[in-house]
Protein backbone atom coordinates (compact mmCIF):
# COMPACT_ATOMS: atom_id res chain seq x y z
CA MET A 1 -2.03 53.38 -57.74
CA ARG A 2 -0.78 50.37 -59.65
CA SER A 3 0.53 48.81 -56.46
CA VAL A 4 -2.94 49.08 -54.89
CA ALA A 5 -4.48 47.37 -57.91
CA HIS A 6 -1.76 44.72 -57.87
CA GLN A 7 -2.28 44.11 -54.15
CA ARG A 8 -6.04 43.76 -54.68
CA LEU A 9 -5.44 41.30 -57.54
CA ARG A 10 -3.17 39.21 -55.32
CA GLU A 11 -5.82 39.25 -52.57
CA ILE A 12 -8.52 38.11 -54.99
CA HIS A 13 -6.28 35.33 -56.27
CA TRP A 14 -5.35 34.16 -52.77
CA LEU A 15 -8.96 34.19 -51.60
CA SER A 16 -10.11 32.23 -54.64
CA HIS A 17 -7.79 29.43 -53.52
CA ALA A 18 -7.94 30.10 -49.78
CA ASP A 19 -9.82 26.93 -48.86
CA ASN A 20 -7.17 24.80 -50.57
CA TYR A 21 -4.28 26.72 -49.01
CA LEU A 22 -5.87 26.56 -45.57
CA ALA A 23 -6.42 22.82 -45.88
CA LEU A 24 -2.72 22.39 -46.65
CA VAL A 25 -1.72 24.49 -43.66
CA ARG A 26 -4.13 22.65 -41.36
CA ASP A 27 -2.64 19.34 -42.50
CA ALA A 28 0.86 20.65 -41.81
CA VAL A 29 -0.20 21.81 -38.33
CA GLN A 30 -1.64 18.37 -37.59
CA LYS A 31 1.66 16.78 -38.58
CA ASN A 32 3.70 19.28 -36.57
CA PRO A 33 1.49 20.83 -33.85
CA ASP A 34 4.47 22.40 -32.05
CA ASP A 35 5.38 24.62 -35.03
CA GLU A 36 4.34 28.06 -33.79
CA GLU A 37 4.86 29.72 -37.18
CA LEU A 38 2.46 27.29 -38.86
CA ARG A 39 -0.10 27.85 -36.11
CA GLU A 40 0.22 31.63 -36.54
CA LEU A 41 -0.12 31.28 -40.31
CA MET A 42 -3.24 29.17 -39.91
CA ALA A 43 -4.80 31.70 -37.53
CA ALA A 44 -3.97 34.60 -39.86
CA MET A 45 -5.46 32.77 -42.85
CA GLU A 46 -8.64 31.99 -40.91
CA ARG A 47 -8.96 35.65 -39.86
CA ALA A 48 -8.44 36.83 -43.45
CA MET A 49 -11.08 34.45 -44.75
CA ALA A 50 -13.56 35.52 -42.05
CA ALA A 51 -12.95 39.19 -42.84
CA GLN A 52 -13.44 38.57 -46.55
CA ARG A 53 -16.72 36.75 -45.92
CA LYS A 54 -17.94 39.73 -43.89
CA ARG A 55 -17.11 42.08 -46.77
CA ARG A 56 -18.50 39.82 -49.48
CA PRO A 57 -20.97 37.24 -48.22
CA LEU A 58 -21.61 34.25 -50.45
CA HIS A 59 -25.36 34.93 -50.57
């Protein structure tokens, strides 16, 4: 049970800073567009943010 709460806390923390993290990753992808791992990370972050917005819309 604690691990579920800890995981949720980490998710909340990450999402509170997600725009900043995503901007850093996008910048890194622009500098190195052939880095497949960075591109996958960027796509995963964008999917996570979209899913979060569906669960908890801003308005």
